[in-house]
Amino acid sequence: MEIIFRAEARAEFDNALEFYALRAPDAAANYLEDYDRVAVQLLQFPNAGTRVARSARRLTFPRFPYQLIYRVEGDDIVIYAVAHQRQRPGYWRKRVGPDR
């Protein structure tokens, strides 16, 4: 399996990393460490995330208020959003499309 970021999700990931890097290098390193933990979990257990739509799931970062919104598509895990848990809830729903 491979993790693939959609362009919008990659931008959200990078923006959050930049936000933490500007505040404290340790925070940015911890953010990346959290992502790595979530990525390993996803690759080992692709369906471990909580179902948030018929075809989409979410997996939450351990120490940061972010969650990956993703779908398993064939042999790939496609990340549709790196969503802040308290900002614009549900905005990503239009990205994952209608429930299948």
N, C-alpha and C. Protein backbone atom coordinates (compact mmCIF):
# COMPACT_ATOMS: atom_id res chain seq x y z
N MET A 1 0.84 -1.19 0.00
CA MET A 1 0.00 0.00 0.00
C MET A 1 0.88 1.25 0.00
N GLU A 2 0.31 2.29 -0.54
CA GLU A 2 1.02 3.57 -0.59
C GLU A 2 0.06 4.67 -0.13
N ILE A 3 0.60 5.66 0.57
CA ILE A 3 -0.19 6.82 0.98
C ILE A 3 0.00 7.91 -0.06
N ILE A 4 -1.12 8.41 -0.58
CA ILE A 4 -1.10 9.45 -1.60
C ILE A 4 -1.91 10.63 -1.08
N PHE A 5 -1.32 11.82 -1.13
CA PHE A 5 -2.02 13.04 -0.72
C PHE A 5 -2.64 13.71 -1.93
N ARG A 6 -3.91 14.07 -1.81
CA ARG A 6 -4.50 14.98 -2.80
C ARG A 6 -3.86 16.35 -2.59
N ALA A 7 -3.87 17.19 -3.61
CA ALA A 7 -3.19 18.49 -3.55
C ALA A 7 -3.66 19.34 -2.37
N GLU A 8 -4.97 19.38 -2.14
CA GLU A 8 -5.51 20.20 -1.05
C GLU A 8 -5.02 19.70 0.30
N ALA A 9 -4.97 18.38 0.45
CA ALA A 9 -4.52 17.79 1.71
C ALA A 9 -3.03 18.06 1.93
N ARG A 10 -2.25 17.96 0.87
CA ARG A 10 -0.81 18.25 0.99
C ARG A 10 -0.60 19.70 1.43
N ALA A 11 -1.38 20.62 0.87
CA ALA A 11 -1.27 22.04 1.24
C ALA A 11 -1.64 22.22 2.72
N GLU A 12 -2.68 21.55 3.18
CA GLU A 12 -3.07 21.65 4.59
C GLU A 12 -1.98 21.10 5.51
N PHE A 13 -1.41 19.98 5.11
CA PHE A 13 -0.32 19.38 5.89
C PHE A 13 0.86 20.35 5.98
N ASP A 14 1.25 20.90 4.84
CA ASP A 14 2.39 21.82 4.79
C ASP A 14 2.11 23.11 5.56
N ASN A 15 0.89 23.62 5.48
CA ASN A 15 0.54 24.84 6.21
C ASN A 15 0.61 24.63 7.71
N ALA A 16 0.14 23.49 8.18
CA ALA A 16 0.21 23.20 9.62
C ALA A 16 1.66 23.06 10.06
N LEU A 17 2.46 22.39 9.25
CA LEU A 17 3.88 22.24 9.58
C LEU A 17 4.57 23.59 9.65
N GLU A 18 4.28 24.46 8.70
CA GLU A 18 4.86 25.81 8.71
C GLU A 18 4.41 26.60 9.94
N PHE A 19 3.13 26.47 10.29
CA PHE A 19 2.60 27.14 11.47
C PHE A 19 3.41 26.75 12.71
N TYR A 20 3.63 25.45 12.90
CA TYR A 20 4.37 24.99 14.07
C TYR A 20 5.84 25.36 13.98
N ALA A 21 6.42 25.31 12.79
CA ALA A 21 7.85 25.64 12.61
C ALA A 21 8.12 27.10 12.97
N LEU A 22 7.18 27.98 12.67
CA LEU A 22 7.36 29.39 13.00
C LEU A 22 7.28 29.64 14.49
N ARG A 23 6.60 28.79 15.21
CA ARG A 23 6.45 28.97 16.65
C ARG A 23 7.56 28.30 17.45
N ALA A 24 7.92 27.08 17.05
CA ALA A 24 8.96 26.35 17.76
C ALA A 24 9.40 25.15 16.93
N PRO A 25 10.69 25.04 16.68
CA PRO A 25 11.17 23.89 15.91
C PRO A 25 10.79 22.54 16.54
N ASP A 26 10.76 22.50 17.86
CA ASP A 26 10.36 21.24 18.52
C ASP A 26 8.92 20.88 18.19
N ALA A 27 8.05 21.87 18.12
CA ALA A 27 6.65 21.62 17.80
C ALA A 27 6.53 21.04 16.38
N ALA A 28 7.28 21.59 15.45
CA ALA A 28 7.25 21.09 14.08
C ALA A 28 7.75 19.65 14.03
N ALA A 29 8.81 19.36 14.76
CA ALA A 29 9.34 17.99 14.79
C ALA A 29 8.33 17.03 15.40
N ASN A 30 7.64 17.47 16.45
CA ASN A 30 6.62 16.63 17.08
C ASN A 30 5.43 16.40 16.15
N TYR A 31 5.06 17.43 15.39
CA TYR A 31 3.98 17.29 14.41
C TYR A 31 4.34 16.22 13.38
N LEU A 32 5.57 16.28 12.87
CA LEU A 32 6.01 15.28 11.89
C LEU A 32 6.06 13.88 12.51
N GLU A 33 6.48 13.81 13.76
CA GLU A 33 6.51 12.52 14.46
C GLU A 33 5.10 11.95 14.59
N ASP A 34 4.13 12.81 14.93
CA ASP A 34 2.74 12.35 15.01
C ASP A 34 2.25 11.84 13.67
N TYR A 35 2.56 12.59 12.60
CA TYR A 35 2.15 12.12 11.27
C TYR A 35 2.76 10.76 10.97
N ASP A 36 4.04 10.59 11.29
CA ASP A 36 4.69 9.30 11.02
C ASP A 36 4.00 8.16 11.76
N ARG A 37 3.60 8.41 13.00
CA ARG A 37 2.88 7.38 13.77
C ARG A 37 1.55 7.01 13.10
N VAL A 38 0.84 8.04 12.67
CA VAL A 38 -0.45 7.81 12.03
C VAL A 38 -0.25 7.09 10.69
N ALA A 39 0.78 7.48 9.94
CA ALA A 39 1.04 6.84 8.66
C ALA A 39 1.38 5.36 8.82
N VAL A 40 2.19 5.03 9.82
CA VAL A 40 2.52 3.63 10.07
C VAL A 40 1.26 2.85 10.43
N GLN A 41 0.42 3.44 11.28
CA GLN A 41 -0.83 2.78 11.65
C GLN A 41 -1.72 2.56 10.43
N LEU A 42 -1.81 3.58 9.57
CA LEU A 42 -2.62 3.46 8.36
C LEU A 42 -2.13 2.34 7.46
N LEU A 43 -0.84 2.26 7.28
CA LEU A 43 -0.29 1.23 6.40
C LEU A 43 -0.48 -0.17 6.98
N GLN A 44 -0.44 -0.29 8.29
CA GLN A 44 -0.63 -1.60 8.92
C GLN A 44 -2.10 -1.98 9.00
N PHE A 45 -2.95 -0.98 9.29
CA PHE A 45 -4.37 -1.23 9.50
C PHE A 45 -5.19 -0.17 8.77
N PRO A 46 -5.34 -0.28 7.46
CA PRO A 46 -5.98 0.78 6.67
C PRO A 46 -7.41 1.11 7.09
N ASN A 47 -8.11 0.16 7.66
CA ASN A 47 -9.50 0.41 8.04
C ASN A 47 -9.65 0.73 9.52
N ALA A 48 -8.56 1.10 10.17
CA ALA A 48 -8.59 1.38 11.61
C ALA A 48 -9.29 2.70 11.94
N GLY A 49 -9.30 3.63 11.02
CA GLY A 49 -9.90 4.94 11.29
C GLY A 49 -11.39 4.86 11.48
N THR A 50 -11.92 5.84 12.17
CA THR A 50 -13.35 5.94 12.41
C THR A 50 -14.05 6.33 11.11
N ARG A 51 -15.10 5.63 10.78
CA ARG A 51 -15.86 5.94 9.56
C ARG A 51 -16.58 7.28 9.75
N VAL A 52 -16.36 8.20 8.81
CA VAL A 52 -16.99 9.52 8.86
C VAL A 52 -17.94 9.74 7.69
N ALA A 53 -17.90 8.87 6.75
CA ALA A 53 -18.83 8.84 5.62
C ALA A 53 -18.79 7.40 5.15
N ARG A 54 -19.68 7.06 4.29
CA ARG A 54 -19.75 5.67 3.85
C ARG A 54 -18.40 5.18 3.31
N SER A 55 -17.69 6.04 2.60
CA SER A 55 -16.44 5.60 1.98
C SER A 55 -15.20 6.31 2.54
N ALA A 56 -15.36 7.07 3.60
CA ALA A 56 -14.22 7.82 4.14
C ALA A 56 -14.05 7.53 5.63
N ARG A 57 -12.81 7.66 6.07
CA ARG A 57 -12.47 7.43 7.47
C ARG A 57 -11.58 8.57 7.96
N ARG A 58 -11.43 8.64 9.28
CA ARG A 58 -10.52 9.64 9.85
C ARG A 58 -9.64 8.96 10.89
N LEU A 59 -8.44 9.46 10.97
CA LEU A 59 -7.50 9.00 11.98
C LEU A 59 -6.86 10.24 12.58
N THR A 60 -6.89 10.34 13.89
CA THR A 60 -6.49 11.55 14.61
C THR A 60 -5.02 11.48 15.03
N PHE A 61 -4.35 12.60 14.91
CA PHE A 61 -2.97 12.71 15.39
C PHE A 61 -2.99 12.57 16.91
N PRO A 62 -1.99 11.90 17.50
CA PRO A 62 -1.99 11.70 18.95
C PRO A 62 -1.91 12.98 19.79
N ARG A 63 -1.07 13.95 19.38
CA ARG A 63 -0.84 15.13 20.23
C ARG A 63 -1.28 16.45 19.61
N PHE A 64 -1.74 16.43 18.41
CA PHE A 64 -2.10 17.66 17.72
C PHE A 64 -3.56 17.59 17.28
N PRO A 65 -4.22 18.74 17.17
CA PRO A 65 -5.66 18.74 16.85
C PRO A 65 -5.94 18.58 15.36
N TYR A 66 -5.31 17.58 14.74
CA TYR A 66 -5.50 17.31 13.32
C TYR A 66 -5.93 15.88 13.11
N GLN A 67 -6.62 15.68 12.02
CA GLN A 67 -7.02 14.34 11.64
C GLN A 67 -6.86 14.18 10.13
N LEU A 68 -6.47 12.99 9.74
CA LEU A 68 -6.39 12.66 8.32
C LEU A 68 -7.74 12.12 7.89
N ILE A 69 -8.28 12.68 6.84
CA ILE A 69 -9.51 12.18 6.24
C ILE A 69 -9.06 11.41 5.00
N TYR A 70 -9.41 10.14 4.94
CA TYR A 70 -8.87 9.30 3.88
C TYR A 70 -9.86 8.25 3.41
N ARG A 71 -9.52 7.68 2.27
CA ARG A 71 -10.24 6.52 1.75
C ARG A 71 -9.22 5.50 1.28
N VAL A 72 -9.56 4.24 1.43
CA VAL A 72 -8.76 3.17 0.85
C VAL A 72 -9.30 2.98 -0.56
N GLU A 73 -8.42 3.15 -1.53
CA GLU A 73 -8.80 3.02 -2.94
C GLU A 73 -7.86 2.03 -3.59
N GLY A 74 -8.33 0.80 -3.72
CA GLY A 74 -7.49 -0.25 -4.27
C GLY A 74 -6.32 -0.51 -3.34
N ASP A 75 -5.10 -0.37 -3.87
CA ASP A 75 -3.90 -0.58 -3.07
C ASP A 75 -3.35 0.71 -2.48
N ASP A 76 -4.12 1.78 -2.57
CA ASP A 76 -3.66 3.07 -2.07
C ASP A 76 -4.53 3.59 -0.94
N ILE A 77 -3.91 4.39 -0.09
CA ILE A 77 -4.63 5.16 0.92
C ILE A 77 -4.55 6.60 0.45
N VAL A 78 -5.70 7.17 0.11
CA VAL A 78 -5.73 8.52 -0.44
C VAL A 78 -6.18 9.48 0.65
N ILE A 79 -5.31 10.46 0.95
CA ILE A 79 -5.60 11.47 1.97
C ILE A 79 -6.32 12.62 1.27
N TYR A 80 -7.55 12.89 1.71
CA TYR A 80 -8.35 13.96 1.12
C TYR A 80 -8.26 15.26 1.91
N ALA A 81 -7.92 15.17 3.20
CA ALA A 81 -7.82 16.38 4.01
C ALA A 81 -6.95 16.10 5.22
N VAL A 82 -6.24 17.13 5.64
CA VAL A 82 -5.56 17.15 6.94
C VAL A 82 -6.30 18.23 7.69
N ALA A 83 -7.35 17.82 8.39
CA ALA A 83 -8.33 18.74 8.94
C ALA A 83 -8.07 19.05 10.41
N HIS A 84 -8.10 20.34 10.72
CA HIS A 84 -8.03 20.77 12.12
C HIS A 84 -9.36 20.39 12.75
N GLN A 85 -9.31 19.83 13.94
CA GLN A 85 -10.52 19.30 14.57
C GLN A 85 -11.51 20.37 15.02
N ARG A 86 -11.04 21.61 15.20
CA ARG A 86 -11.93 22.64 15.72
C ARG A 86 -12.21 23.76 14.73
N GLN A 87 -11.71 23.64 13.53
CA GLN A 87 -11.92 24.69 12.53
C GLN A 87 -12.68 24.13 11.33
N ARG A 88 -13.74 24.79 10.97
CA ARG A 88 -14.55 24.43 9.80
C ARG A 88 -14.93 22.95 9.76
N PRO A 89 -15.63 22.46 10.75
CA PRO A 89 -15.96 21.04 10.77
C PRO A 89 -16.72 20.61 9.51
N GLY A 90 -16.32 19.49 8.97
CA GLY A 90 -17.02 18.90 7.83
C GLY A 90 -16.74 19.51 6.48
N TYR A 91 -15.88 20.53 6.40
CA TYR A 91 -15.62 21.19 5.12
C TYR A 91 -15.11 20.20 4.07
N TRP A 92 -14.44 19.17 4.51
CA TRP A 92 -13.79 18.20 3.63
C TRP A 92 -14.79 17.25 2.96
N ARG A 93 -16.03 17.22 3.43
CA ARG A 93 -17.02 16.27 2.88
C ARG A 93 -17.18 16.40 1.37
N LYS A 94 -17.13 17.62 0.85
CA LYS A 94 -17.28 17.80 -0.59
C LYS A 94 -16.09 17.19 -1.34
N ARG A 95 -14.96 17.05 -0.69
CA ARG A 95 -13.78 16.46 -1.35
C ARG A 95 -13.91 14.95 -1.52
N VAL A 96 -14.48 14.28 -0.55
CA VAL A 96 -14.55 12.83 -0.64
C VAL A 96 -15.72 12.38 -1.51
N GLY A 97 -16.57 13.31 -1.89
CA GLY A 97 -17.66 13.00 -2.80
C GLY A 97 -18.84 12.35 -2.09
N PRO A 98 -19.84 11.99 -2.86
CA PRO A 98 -21.03 11.39 -2.27
C PRO A 98 -20.70 10.03 -1.65
N ASP A 99 -21.45 9.71 -0.63
CA ASP A 99 -21.25 8.40 0.00
C ASP A 99 -21.53 7.31 -1.00
N ARG A 100 -20.64 6.34 -0.99
CA ARG A 100 -20.82 5.19 -1.89
C ARG A 100 -21.19 3.99 -1.09
